[in-house]
Amino acid sequence: METVKTAMFETLIESAQPDGMGGYVFTLEGKSYHIKDTLEISKIAQNHGYIIIY
């Protein structure tokens, strides 16, 4: 049986921390990403197999 992973978009955005250089550090499942815009978070979460709830 496959596990379905869901995440609230607002919660994911709240977890992004400013990196001091105009971008953000976003960590999901132990992997950190340096992103320029919080809208990139949806794509990252989907790549991890999450269904995003807006």
Protein backbone atom coordinates (compact mmCIF):
# COMPACT_ATOMS: atom_id res chain seq x y z
CA MET A 1 0.00 0.00 0.00
CA GLU A 2 1.33 3.41 -0.98
CA THR A 3 1.40 6.26 1.52
CA VAL A 4 -0.23 9.52 0.47
CA LYS A 5 1.66 12.58 1.69
CA THR A 6 -0.14 15.90 1.93
CA ALA A 7 1.05 19.33 3.05
CA MET A 8 -0.60 22.69 3.58
CA PHE A 9 1.01 25.32 1.34
CA GLU A 10 0.89 27.94 4.11
CA THR A 11 2.71 25.62 6.52
CA LEU A 12 5.44 24.90 3.99
CA ILE A 13 5.98 28.61 3.35
CA GLU A 14 6.21 29.31 7.09
CA SER A 15 9.07 26.81 7.34
CA ALA A 16 11.23 28.72 4.83
CA GLN A 17 13.85 30.82 6.61
CA PRO A 18 15.49 33.95 5.15
CA ASP A 19 19.10 33.24 4.15
CA GLY A 20 20.33 36.83 4.56
CA MET A 21 21.05 37.14 0.81
CA GLY A 22 17.53 37.84 -0.42
CA GLY A 23 16.49 34.21 -0.67
CA TYR A 24 15.38 31.43 1.64
CA VAL A 25 16.50 28.10 3.01
CA PHE A 26 13.76 25.50 2.84
CA THR A 27 14.20 22.04 4.37
CA LEU A 28 11.97 19.09 3.60
CA GLU A 29 12.56 15.52 4.76
CA GLY A 30 16.10 16.38 5.87
CA LYS A 31 17.17 17.94 2.56
CA SER A 32 17.84 21.68 2.41
CA TYR A 33 17.18 23.86 -0.61
CA HIS A 34 18.35 27.42 -1.26
CA ILE A 35 15.54 29.16 -3.11
CA LYS A 36 14.95 32.69 -4.36
CA ASP A 37 11.16 32.68 -4.13
CA THR A 38 8.81 30.82 -1.79
CA LEU A 39 6.69 29.81 -4.79
CA GLU A 40 9.44 27.25 -5.59
CA ILE A 41 8.35 25.32 -2.49
CA SER A 42 5.36 23.75 -4.26
CA LYS A 43 7.56 22.18 -6.94
CA ILE A 44 10.03 20.87 -4.35
CA ALA A 45 7.27 19.31 -2.25
CA GLN A 46 5.70 17.72 -5.33
CA ASN A 47 9.09 16.26 -6.27
CA HIS A 48 9.09 14.64 -2.80
CA GLY A 49 5.71 13.09 -3.59
CA TYR A 50 3.50 15.49 -1.65
CA ILE A 51 0.04 16.60 -2.66
CA ILE A 52 -0.19 20.31 -1.85
CA ILE A 53 -3.34 21.68 -0.23
CA TYR A 54 -3.87 25.37 -0.97
